[in-house]
C-alpha cells in the first residue's frame, strides 16, 4: 500500500529517476491524489527536461494522429486501419484535459508558454499516395474526433494551407493534402519545467540535479528499494530507501531496469537512433509557413523517417524545422556514453537483439543511408517539400537521442517496438518506461496506465477515483464512443488552454 508513514524507515515514499515529462506527470498525479506522499526526484544532468523532453530534442507535434500517416496504415485489401490513430487522439485529448485542470489550478502563468494552436496537415505526391490519402481522409470521417478535417487536391487551396511548399511547384504534379485546424504545438521542455517548479514550490517535492542513480536493490523482507546515487556536485555517494521507484530516464531506463534485476525486465534490449533537424534562419520564410505538415515515409523506411515541415513555438519565438534526419550512435542519451549500447548487451537480451536486427535490415540500410548524407543531400530532401529551398537559409541542428525497444518474441525471437512499453514488477513496487513515439504527447494516459498496474487498490478507491475524474473529466470513458462527451470536454479544455 502506497501511503506516507511518519515512523517509516524509508527516506521517501516515491523515488522518480529522470527529470523529464514522464516523471513530472507521475509526480503531479501522485501529489494531487495523495498530497502527504514524500517524493524525491533524481536527475543525472544539471537541469530538468534536458534530454528527450527538451523542445529541440522533441518533435513537439502534440502527436494526435491528425497528420501522422504512419498511424493509419493501408491493409493488404486496400482499406485503411484507423484503430491506432483513434487510440492516440483519445490519449491526446486526455492530456489536454489534464493540462487544462493544471492551468485552472495555477500550475502555469499562461498556457501559451507550452501549448499553441497550429493546423496539422498531411501532404503527398503521386497518384498512388493521393489515392491513399483520400481513403485515409474518408476512413477518419467515421470518427467524430477527427471532425473538421478537410481534403483537397486543388492547387489554390493547397497554396492557402501551405504557401511555402506550393511556391514554384510544377502545376502538372499530382499532389493532395488534408488540413485540420485543431492541431497543436507543444513545448514539452517548458511544460516539464513548469510542472517541476510547481512540485517543488507548492508540494515540497525534492529535486536533486547532478545526481546519477548507479544501482537498485530490493529488500526481500519489506519489499522496499535502496537506490544508490552518485552526487556529482559534492563527489560523494549516498543511498535512499523508498517504497516505490519509477524509472523514467529515457534511453537510460534500459540499464537501470537491468540493474533492478526484476523478472519482468529480462530480455529487453535497445537500439539507439540519433536525430538532426534542418532549422530555418530566414525570418521571411518562417513567417510564410504556419502549419505542421507531415509527408509519407519512403517504401522500406521505418516510421521514424516520416519527413515533416514543422512550425514550432520555442521560448515564445516561431521557428521552422524540417526533418528528422536519423543517424546512428551507440549512445542511449544525448549526454550519454558511447559504451551505452555494448554495455547493455547481456545474456538475457543478446538473442532478441540479434533476431530483431536480422528482421529489420531495412532500418539498418536506412540508417547507413542517413549517416552518409551530406548537408546538400539533406537540402535536396527538403526541396521535395519546399521546391525552391536555398541552402543558405538553413542550418543543421542536432536533436535528441531515442532508444527503440527490443523485446523477446516467442515466434521471431526478438522484435523491435516503435511505441512505448511499461515494465512493472509483479509486486508493483517498481516500474520503468521504455521506448519513444508517441511518448510525451500521451504521457498522461501512459502514467494512468502505470498507476493502474502499480497502485490497483488506490486507483479503485473512492478518493482517488473522484480526484481523477476532477483532473480528467472523461476518465473511465472512451471518447471515440461518445461524441457528446468528446465535443464537450474538447471545448472545455480548448477554452482553458486558449486553443479555441
Protein backbone atom coordinates (compact mmCIF):
# COMPACT_ATOMS: atom_id res chain seq x y z
CA UNK A 1 0.00 0.00 0.00
CA UNK A 2 1.47 3.37 -1.03
CA UNK A 3 0.96 5.69 1.92
CA UNK A 4 3.12 8.05 3.93
CA UNK A 5 4.03 6.98 7.45
CA UNK A 6 5.97 9.41 9.66
CA UNK A 7 7.51 6.49 11.56
CA UNK A 8 8.52 4.52 8.46
CA UNK A 9 12.15 3.51 7.95
CA UNK A 10 12.19 4.85 4.39
CA UNK A 11 13.65 8.16 3.21
CA UNK A 12 10.80 8.77 0.79
CA UNK A 13 7.62 7.11 -0.40
CA UNK A 14 8.38 7.58 -4.08
CA UNK A 15 11.67 7.93 -5.96
CA UNK A 16 11.42 9.19 -9.54
CA UNK A 17 14.52 8.66 -11.68
CA UNK A 18 14.88 11.15 -14.53
CA UNK A 19 13.55 14.72 -14.66
CA UNK A 20 11.57 14.53 -17.88
CA UNK A 21 7.90 14.80 -18.81
CA UNK A 22 7.06 11.29 -17.58
CA UNK A 23 8.43 11.77 -14.05
CA UNK A 24 6.90 15.25 -13.89
CA UNK A 25 3.48 13.89 -14.91
CA UNK A 26 3.60 10.99 -12.46
CA UNK A 27 4.82 13.27 -9.67
CA UNK A 28 1.92 15.67 -10.23
CA UNK A 29 -0.61 12.84 -10.32
CA UNK A 30 0.62 11.31 -7.06
CA UNK A 31 0.77 14.66 -5.24
CA UNK A 32 -2.73 15.59 -6.41
CA UNK A 33 -4.09 12.17 -5.48
CA UNK A 34 -2.25 11.81 -2.17
CA UNK A 35 -0.69 15.11 -1.03
CA UNK A 36 1.11 13.66 2.01
CA UNK A 37 3.40 11.44 -0.06
CA UNK A 38 7.10 12.26 0.20
CA UNK A 39 8.58 12.30 -3.29
CA UNK A 40 12.20 12.68 -4.34
CA UNK A 41 13.43 13.08 -7.92
CA UNK A 42 16.94 12.29 -9.15
CA UNK A 43 18.38 13.65 -12.41
CA UNK A 44 21.89 12.94 -13.70
CA UNK A 45 22.17 16.27 -15.59
CA UNK A 46 22.36 19.75 -14.05
CA UNK A 47 18.89 20.81 -15.25
CA UNK A 48 15.47 19.29 -15.83
CA UNK A 49 13.99 18.42 -19.24
CA UNK A 50 17.42 18.43 -20.88
CA UNK A 51 17.13 15.18 -22.83
CA UNK A 52 14.07 13.84 -24.71
CA UNK A 53 11.65 16.42 -23.23
CA UNK A 54 13.63 19.44 -24.42
CA UNK A 55 11.90 21.40 -27.19
CA UNK A 56 14.82 21.00 -29.60
CA UNK A 57 15.06 17.27 -28.91
CA UNK A 58 11.34 16.52 -29.25
CA UNK A 59 9.03 16.68 -32.28
CA UNK A 60 6.60 18.80 -30.24
CA UNK A 61 3.78 17.91 -32.59
CA UNK A 62 1.30 17.19 -29.89
CA UNK A 63 1.05 13.76 -31.52
CA UNK A 64 -2.66 13.27 -32.04
CA UNK A 65 -2.72 11.27 -35.30
CA UNK A 66 -4.20 14.24 -37.13
CA UNK A 67 -1.33 14.32 -39.64
CA UNK A 68 0.98 11.37 -38.93
CA UNK A 69 0.38 8.90 -41.75
CA UNK A 70 2.27 6.03 -40.11
CA UNK A 71 -0.60 5.73 -37.59
CA UNK A 72 -3.05 4.87 -40.38
CA UNK A 73 -1.53 2.01 -42.41
CA UNK A 74 -3.14 0.60 -45.51
CA UNK A 75 -4.20 -3.05 -45.22
CA UNK A 76 -3.45 -5.63 -47.91
CA UNK A 77 -7.02 -5.35 -49.18
CA UNK A 78 -6.66 -1.58 -49.62
CA UNK A 79 -8.68 -0.46 -46.58
CA UNK A 80 -7.22 1.97 -44.03
CA UNK A 81 -6.69 0.85 -40.44
CA UNK A 82 -7.51 3.79 -38.14
CA UNK A 83 -7.51 1.94 -34.79
CA UNK A 84 -4.10 3.24 -33.69
CA UNK A 85 -4.97 6.77 -34.79
CA UNK A 86 -8.14 6.69 -32.67
CA UNK A 87 -6.25 5.42 -29.63
CA UNK A 88 -3.63 8.16 -29.97
CA UNK A 89 -6.08 11.02 -30.47
CA UNK A 90 -8.09 9.81 -27.46
CA UNK A 91 -4.91 9.83 -25.40
CA UNK A 92 -4.01 13.34 -26.51
CA UNK A 93 -7.49 14.58 -25.62
CA UNK A 94 -6.86 13.15 -22.14
CA UNK A 95 -3.53 15.03 -21.97
CA UNK A 96 -5.26 18.31 -22.86
CA UNK A 97 -7.87 17.76 -20.15
CA UNK A 98 -5.18 17.14 -17.54
CA UNK A 99 -3.20 20.21 -18.62
CA UNK A 100 -6.39 22.31 -18.57
CA UNK A 101 -7.03 21.21 -14.99
CA UNK A 102 -3.48 22.21 -14.04
CA UNK A 103 -3.87 25.63 -15.70
CA UNK A 104 -7.01 26.20 -13.61
CA UNK A 105 -5.11 25.00 -10.52
CA UNK A 106 -2.37 27.61 -11.03
CA UNK A 107 0.48 25.44 -12.29
CA UNK A 108 1.19 27.89 -15.13
CA UNK A 109 1.18 31.64 -15.60
CA UNK A 110 -0.15 31.09 -19.11
CA UNK A 111 -0.89 28.01 -21.20
CA UNK A 112 0.72 29.83 -24.15
CA UNK A 113 4.09 29.09 -22.59
CA UNK A 114 3.78 25.43 -23.54
CA UNK A 115 0.86 24.85 -25.96
CA UNK A 116 -0.33 26.77 -29.01
CA UNK A 117 -2.88 26.11 -31.74
CA UNK A 118 -1.47 25.34 -35.18
CA UNK A 119 -3.02 23.48 -38.15
CA UNK A 120 -1.91 19.91 -38.82
CA UNK A 121 -1.57 18.82 -42.45
CA UNK A 122 -0.67 15.67 -44.34
CA UNK A 123 0.91 16.11 -47.78
CA UNK A 124 1.51 13.52 -50.50
CA UNK A 125 2.68 13.38 -54.12
CA UNK A 126 1.88 10.93 -56.93
CA UNK A 127 -1.26 9.08 -57.97
CA UNK A 128 -0.85 6.16 -55.57
CA UNK A 129 -0.28 8.26 -52.45
CA UNK A 130 -3.03 10.73 -53.37
CA UNK A 131 -5.43 7.76 -53.56
CA UNK A 132 -4.18 6.56 -50.17
CA UNK A 133 -4.61 9.98 -48.55
CA UNK A 134 -8.16 10.31 -49.86
CA UNK A 135 -9.06 6.86 -48.48
CA UNK A 136 -7.46 7.80 -45.17
CA UNK A 137 -9.47 11.01 -45.02
CA UNK A 138 -12.70 9.14 -45.77
CA UNK A 139 -11.93 6.50 -43.12
CA UNK A 140 -11.26 9.13 -40.47
CA UNK A 141 -14.63 10.76 -41.18
CA UNK A 142 -16.17 7.78 -39.40
CA UNK A 143 -14.77 9.07 -36.09
CA UNK A 144 -16.03 12.37 -34.65
CA UNK A 145 -12.64 13.05 -33.02
CA UNK A 146 -11.33 13.98 -36.49
CA UNK A 147 -14.26 16.30 -37.22
CA UNK A 148 -13.22 19.40 -39.16
CA UNK A 149 -10.58 17.69 -41.30
CA UNK A 150 -10.52 18.78 -44.96
CA UNK A 151 -9.10 17.04 -48.03
CA UNK A 152 -8.07 18.77 -51.24
CA UNK A 153 -6.23 18.21 -54.50
CA UNK A 154 -6.90 21.80 -55.58
CA UNK A 155 -3.69 23.78 -56.08
CA UNK A 156 -5.27 27.06 -55.00
CA UNK A 157 -6.49 25.54 -51.73
CA UNK A 158 -3.12 23.93 -51.04
CA UNK A 159 -1.44 27.31 -51.59
CA UNK A 160 -3.63 28.74 -48.85
CA UNK A 161 -2.75 25.90 -46.48
CA UNK A 162 0.99 25.71 -47.21
CA UNK A 163 2.16 28.60 -49.45
CA UNK A 164 5.87 27.96 -48.90
CA UNK A 165 5.53 24.39 -50.15
CA UNK A 166 3.44 25.22 -53.22
CA UNK A 167 5.63 28.05 -54.47
CA UNK A 168 7.46 27.07 -57.69
CA UNK A 169 5.90 23.60 -57.67
CA UNK A 170 5.05 22.22 -61.12
CA UNK A 171 1.35 22.59 -61.92
CA UNK A 172 1.26 19.14 -63.54
CA UNK A 173 2.44 17.44 -60.36
CA UNK A 174 -0.22 15.26 -58.72
CA UNK A 175 -0.47 16.37 -55.07
CA UNK A 176 -3.01 16.33 -52.26
CA UNK A 177 -3.28 17.31 -48.63
CA UNK A 178 -5.50 17.18 -45.58
CA UNK A 179 -5.84 20.11 -43.20
CA UNK A 180 -7.33 20.40 -39.71
CA UNK A 181 -7.39 23.48 -37.50
CA UNK A 182 -7.46 21.80 -34.07
CA UNK A 183 -3.80 20.75 -34.15
CA UNK A 184 -1.33 22.00 -31.55
CA UNK A 185 2.35 22.62 -30.99
CA UNK A 186 3.62 21.61 -27.55
CA UNK A 187 6.85 22.72 -25.90
CA UNK A 188 7.37 19.72 -23.64
CA UNK A 189 10.52 21.22 -22.18
CA UNK A 190 8.65 24.26 -20.89
CA UNK A 191 5.74 22.09 -19.74
CA UNK A 192 8.11 19.84 -17.79
CA UNK A 193 9.96 22.73 -16.16
CA UNK A 194 6.70 24.35 -15.06
CA UNK A 195 5.46 21.09 -13.54
CA UNK A 196 8.69 20.58 -11.60
CA UNK A 197 8.72 24.18 -10.37
CA UNK A 198 5.19 23.78 -9.04
CA UNK A 199 6.00 20.44 -7.44
CA UNK A 200 8.97 22.00 -5.62
CA UNK A 201 7.36 25.28 -4.61
CA UNK A 202 3.81 24.17 -3.79
CA UNK A 203 4.14 20.49 -2.90
CA UNK A 204 7.53 20.26 -1.23
CA UNK A 205 8.91 17.74 -3.71
CA UNK A 206 12.71 17.49 -3.60
CA UNK A 207 14.52 17.55 -6.95
CA UNK A 208 18.19 16.53 -6.91
CA UNK A 209 20.11 17.58 -10.02
CA UNK A 210 23.53 16.18 -10.97
CA UNK A 211 22.59 13.02 -9.08
CA UNK A 212 23.14 9.85 -11.09
CA UNK A 213 21.50 6.60 -9.98
CA UNK A 214 24.07 3.83 -10.08
CA UNK A 215 22.21 0.79 -8.78
CA UNK A 216 18.92 -0.52 -7.37
CA UNK A 217 18.28 -3.34 -4.94
CA UNK A 218 15.16 -4.62 -3.20
CA UNK A 219 14.86 -5.86 0.37
CA UNK A 220 13.23 -9.30 0.18
CA UNK A 221 11.52 -8.87 3.54
CA UNK A 222 9.80 -5.47 3.44
CA UNK A 223 9.96 -5.04 -0.38
CA UNK A 224 11.48 -1.55 -0.12
CA UNK A 225 14.12 -0.39 -2.58
CA UNK A 226 17.56 1.01 -1.91
CA UNK A 227 18.68 3.46 -4.59
CA UNK A 228 22.44 4.04 -4.78
CA UNK A 229 23.27 7.50 -6.10
CA UNK A 230 26.38 9.46 -7.09
CA UNK A 231 26.17 13.15 -6.13
CA UNK A 232 28.28 14.72 -8.88
CA UNK A 233 28.29 18.17 -7.24
CA UNK A 234 29.85 17.04 -3.96
CA UNK A 235 31.55 13.98 -5.45
CA UNK A 236 30.03 11.63 -2.93
CA UNK A 237 27.88 8.53 -2.84
CA UNK A 238 24.62 8.17 -0.96
CA UNK A 239 21.71 5.79 -0.75
CA UNK A 240 17.97 6.40 -0.50
CA UNK A 241 15.41 3.90 0.76
CA UNK A 242 11.97 4.11 -0.82
CA UNK A 243 8.71 2.21 -1.18
CA UNK A 244 8.27 2.81 -4.91
CA UNK A 245 10.62 3.53 -7.81
CA UNK A 246 9.76 4.88 -11.24
CA UNK A 247 12.47 4.72 -13.89
CA UNK A 248 11.73 7.47 -16.40
CA UNK A 249 15.26 8.12 -17.58
CA UNK A 250 14.69 7.99 -21.34
CA UNK A 251 17.40 5.96 -23.01
CA UNK A 252 19.00 5.41 -19.60
CA UNK A 253 16.00 3.42 -18.37
CA UNK A 254 17.15 0.21 -20.01
CA UNK A 255 20.33 -0.07 -17.95
CA UNK A 256 18.52 0.78 -14.69
CA UNK A 257 15.80 -1.76 -15.43
CA UNK A 258 18.52 -4.37 -15.82
CA UNK A 259 20.05 -3.18 -12.52
CA UNK A 260 16.73 -3.75 -10.74
CA UNK A 261 17.00 -7.46 -11.51
CA UNK A 262 13.23 -7.94 -11.68
CA UNK A 263 11.99 -10.90 -13.68
CA UNK A 264 9.69 -8.72 -15.81
CA UNK A 265 12.69 -6.76 -17.08
CA UNK A 266 14.53 -9.73 -18.56
CA UNK A 267 15.17 -9.93 -22.28
CA UNK A 268 14.75 -6.24 -23.12
CA UNK A 269 17.30 -4.59 -25.37
CA UNK A 270 17.56 -1.24 -27.07
CA UNK A 271 18.51 0.16 -30.48
CA UNK A 272 19.67 3.81 -30.32
CA UNK A 273 18.79 6.29 -33.05
CA UNK A 274 20.01 9.88 -33.11
CA UNK A 275 18.32 12.77 -34.89
CA UNK A 276 19.04 16.02 -36.72
CA UNK A 277 16.90 18.92 -37.94
CA UNK A 278 17.33 21.49 -40.66
CA UNK A 279 16.47 24.78 -38.90
CA UNK A 280 15.42 27.81 -40.94
CA UNK A 281 17.39 31.04 -40.41
CA UNK A 282 15.29 33.20 -42.77
CA UNK A 283 12.56 35.09 -40.88
CA UNK A 284 10.58 35.74 -44.09
CA UNK A 285 10.33 32.00 -44.76
CA UNK A 286 9.45 31.25 -41.14
CA UNK A 287 6.58 33.74 -41.29
CA UNK A 288 5.22 32.27 -44.55
CA UNK A 289 4.63 28.81 -43.10
CA UNK A 290 2.15 28.24 -40.29
CA UNK A 291 1.39 24.52 -40.09
CA UNK A 292 2.79 21.13 -39.21
CA UNK A 293 2.99 19.25 -42.49
CA UNK A 294 3.77 15.54 -42.42
CA UNK A 295 4.63 13.53 -45.51
CA UNK A 296 4.82 9.81 -46.12
CA UNK A 297 7.87 7.69 -45.39
CA UNK A 298 9.52 6.18 -48.43
CA UNK A 299 8.86 2.48 -49.07
CA UNK A 300 11.05 0.35 -46.81
CA UNK A 301 11.83 3.21 -44.41
CA UNK A 302 10.98 3.00 -40.69
CA UNK A 303 8.24 5.14 -39.06
CA UNK A 304 10.83 7.49 -37.57
CA UNK A 305 11.78 8.63 -41.08
CA UNK A 306 8.48 10.40 -41.81
CA UNK A 307 9.51 13.83 -43.14
CA UNK A 308 7.77 16.95 -41.86
CA UNK A 309 7.98 20.71 -42.23
CA UNK A 310 7.21 21.89 -38.75
CA UNK A 311 6.20 25.30 -37.40
CA UNK A 312 7.23 25.47 -33.75
CA UNK A 313 6.87 27.96 -30.93
CA UNK A 314 10.01 27.68 -28.79
CA UNK A 315 10.66 30.14 -25.96
CA UNK A 316 7.97 32.41 -27.35
CA UNK A 317 9.53 32.59 -30.83
CA UNK A 318 8.25 30.96 -34.01
CA UNK A 319 10.70 28.52 -35.57
CA UNK A 320 10.65 26.37 -38.71
CA UNK A 321 12.22 22.90 -38.77
CA UNK A 322 12.48 20.16 -41.37
CA UNK A 323 13.39 16.56 -40.74
CA UNK A 324 14.07 14.43 -38.95
CA UNK A 325 17.28 13.03 -40.33
CA UNK A 326 18.26 9.92 -38.43
CA UNK A 327 21.71 8.79 -37.54
CA UNK A 328 23.36 6.05 -35.56
CA UNK A 329 25.21 6.43 -32.29
CA UNK A 330 25.94 3.87 -29.61
CA UNK A 331 24.82 6.43 -27.01
CA UNK A 332 21.46 5.86 -25.29
CA UNK A 333 21.22 9.53 -24.28
CA UNK A 334 22.32 12.74 -25.98
CA UNK A 335 24.60 13.34 -22.99
CA UNK A 336 25.40 9.64 -22.71
CA UNK A 337 28.37 7.37 -23.28
CA UNK A 338 29.48 5.61 -26.47
CA UNK A 339 29.67 2.45 -24.34
CA UNK A 340 25.89 2.51 -23.65
CA UNK A 341 24.97 0.05 -26.39
CA UNK A 342 27.78 -2.51 -25.93
CA UNK A 343 27.38 -2.46 -22.13
CA UNK A 344 23.61 -3.03 -22.48
CA UNK A 345 24.10 -6.42 -24.13
CA UNK A 346 23.53 -9.26 -21.67
CA UNK A 347 22.95 -12.99 -21.75
CA UNK A 348 19.20 -12.30 -21.41
CA UNK A 349 18.85 -9.96 -24.40
CA UNK A 350 21.56 -10.90 -26.88
CA UNK A 351 19.39 -13.35 -28.83
CA UNK A 352 16.36 -10.99 -29.07
CA UNK A 353 18.71 -8.20 -30.21
CA UNK A 354 20.33 -10.34 -32.91
CA UNK A 355 16.91 -11.58 -34.07
CA UNK A 356 15.46 -8.07 -34.17
CA UNK A 357 18.48 -6.91 -36.18
CA UNK A 358 18.01 -9.67 -38.76
CA UNK A 359 14.30 -8.83 -39.08
CA UNK A 360 14.96 -5.09 -39.51
CA UNK A 361 17.60 -4.91 -42.22
CA UNK A 362 15.59 -2.09 -43.84
CA UNK A 363 16.25 0.01 -40.73
CA UNK A 364 19.98 -0.72 -40.89
CA UNK A 365 20.06 0.21 -44.58
CA UNK A 366 18.09 3.40 -43.87
CA UNK A 367 20.44 4.46 -41.05
CA UNK A 368 23.52 3.87 -43.19
CA UNK A 369 22.00 5.98 -45.93
CA UNK A 370 21.12 8.75 -43.44
CA UNK A 371 24.55 8.79 -41.78
CA UNK A 372 26.31 9.15 -45.15
CA UNK A 373 24.12 12.06 -46.29
CA UNK A 374 25.86 15.37 -46.84
CA UNK A 375 24.32 18.75 -45.95
CA UNK A 376 23.44 19.21 -49.61
CA UNK A 377 21.72 15.79 -49.65
CA UNK A 378 19.56 16.99 -46.76
CA UNK A 379 18.72 20.19 -48.63
CA UNK A 380 17.70 18.05 -51.62
CA UNK A 381 15.34 16.13 -49.32
CA UNK A 382 13.92 19.44 -48.11
CA UNK A 383 13.30 20.52 -51.72
CA UNK A 384 10.77 17.69 -52.09
CA UNK A 385 8.72 19.75 -49.64
CA UNK A 386 9.96 23.25 -50.46
CA UNK A 387 10.98 23.17 -54.16
CA UNK A 388 12.98 26.42 -54.16
CA UNK A 389 14.72 25.91 -50.80
CA UNK A 390 18.14 27.59 -50.62
CA UNK A 391 20.93 26.08 -48.54
CA UNK A 392 21.93 29.48 -47.11
CA UNK A 393 18.54 29.77 -45.38
CA UNK A 394 19.01 26.62 -43.31
CA UNK A 395 21.43 25.17 -40.77
CA UNK A 396 21.80 21.71 -39.28
CA UNK A 397 20.93 21.17 -35.63
CA UNK A 398 21.49 18.05 -33.51
CA UNK A 399 18.26 16.74 -31.99
CA UNK A 400 17.65 14.15 -29.29
CA UNK A 401 18.62 10.54 -28.90
CA UNK A 402 15.98 7.78 -28.87
CA UNK A 403 16.19 4.12 -27.93
CA UNK A 404 13.80 1.81 -29.72
CA UNK A 405 12.76 -1.12 -27.55
CA UNK A 406 13.75 -4.67 -28.47
CA UNK A 407 11.92 -7.42 -26.60
CA UNK A 408 11.61 -11.17 -26.68
CA UNK A 409 9.09 -12.73 -29.02
CA UNK A 410 8.18 -16.41 -29.00
CA UNK A 411 7.75 -16.64 -32.77
CA UNK A 412 10.50 -14.34 -34.06
CA UNK A 413 12.98 -14.42 -31.17
CA UNK A 414 13.07 -10.65 -30.85
CA UNK A 415 11.05 -7.73 -32.21
CA UNK A 416 11.72 -4.00 -32.49
CA UNK A 417 8.95 -1.96 -30.85
CA UNK A 418 8.38 1.58 -32.13
CA UNK A 419 5.97 2.56 -29.35
CA UNK A 420 6.31 2.79 -25.58
CA UNK A 421 6.41 -0.07 -23.11
CA UNK A 422 5.59 -0.04 -19.37
CA UNK A 423 7.54 -2.68 -17.46
CA UNK A 424 6.37 -3.18 -13.87
CA UNK A 425 7.27 -5.72 -11.20
CA UNK A 426 4.63 -8.18 -10.04
CA UNK A 427 4.50 -6.55 -6.59
CA UNK A 428 4.01 -3.08 -8.11
CA UNK A 429 6.96 -1.53 -6.25
CA UNK A 430 8.97 -0.56 -9.34
CA UNK A 431 8.13 0.39 -12.92
CA UNK A 432 10.06 1.60 -15.94
CA UNK A 433 9.05 3.28 -19.17
CA UNK A 434 10.89 2.21 -22.31
CA UNK A 435 10.52 3.45 -25.87
CA UNK A 436 9.78 6.64 -27.76
CA UNK A 437 6.92 7.77 -30.03
CA UNK A 438 4.25 8.96 -29.41
CA UNK A 439 5.67 9.28 -25.89
CA UNK A 440 5.35 12.79 -24.48
CA UNK A 441 2.02 13.60 -26.11
CA UNK A 442 0.39 10.61 -24.47
CA UNK A 443 2.30 10.91 -21.18
CA UNK A 444 -0.89 11.40 -19.16
CA UNK A 445 -2.53 8.20 -20.42
CA UNK A 446 0.74 6.30 -20.04
CA UNK A 447 1.08 7.37 -16.39
CA UNK A 448 -2.57 6.48 -15.70
CA UNK A 449 -1.87 3.02 -17.09
CA UNK A 450 1.26 2.75 -14.95
CA UNK A 451 -0.69 3.70 -11.80
CA UNK A 452 -3.30 1.05 -12.60
CA UNK A 453 -0.54 -1.54 -12.73
CA UNK A 454 1.30 -0.40 -9.61
CA UNK A 455 -1.45 1.00 -7.38
CA UNK A 456 -4.56 -1.03 -8.33
CA UNK A 457 -6.30 -0.69 -4.94
CA UNK A 458 -5.87 3.08 -4.71
CA UNK A 459 -6.99 3.55 -8.32
CA UNK A 460 -10.28 1.87 -7.38
CA UNK A 461 -10.74 3.82 -4.14
CA UNK A 462 -13.45 6.44 -3.94
CA UNK A 463 -10.97 9.19 -3.04
CA UNK A 464 -8.65 8.57 -6.00
CA UNK A 465 -11.49 7.97 -8.48
CA UNK A 466 -13.17 11.23 -7.50
CA UNK A 467 -9.95 13.20 -7.91
CA UNK A 468 -9.08 11.51 -11.20
CA UNK A 469 -12.48 12.46 -12.62
CA UNK A 470 -11.87 16.03 -11.49
CA UNK A 471 -8.49 16.13 -13.24
CA UNK A 472 -9.67 14.22 -16.33
CA UNK A 473 -13.43 14.77 -16.84
CA UNK A 474 -13.67 11.89 -19.34
CA UNK A 475 -11.79 9.46 -17.05
CA UNK A 476 -13.05 5.90 -17.44
CA UNK A 477 -14.84 6.59 -20.72
CA UNK A 478 -13.84 6.13 -24.38
CA UNK A 479 -14.21 9.43 -26.22
CA UNK A 480 -14.47 7.64 -29.56
CA UNK A 481 -17.71 6.04 -28.33
CA UNK A 482 -19.35 9.21 -27.00
CA UNK A 483 -19.49 12.18 -29.38
CA UNK A 484 -21.38 14.45 -27.00
CA UNK A 485 -18.84 13.93 -24.21
CA UNK A 486 -15.89 14.21 -26.61
CA UNK A 487 -17.03 17.55 -28.01
CA UNK A 488 -17.89 18.83 -24.53
CA UNK A 489 -14.51 18.08 -22.95
CA UNK A 490 -12.64 19.25 -26.07
CA UNK A 491 -14.45 22.60 -25.92
CA UNK A 492 -13.74 22.86 -22.17
CA UNK A 493 -10.02 22.09 -22.49
CA UNK A 494 -9.52 24.27 -25.56
CA UNK A 495 -11.10 27.29 -23.87
CA UNK A 496 -8.87 26.97 -20.81
CA UNK A 497 -5.75 26.28 -22.91
CA UNK A 498 -6.64 29.19 -25.23
CA UNK A 499 -6.76 26.93 -28.28
CA UNK A 500 -10.22 27.94 -29.50
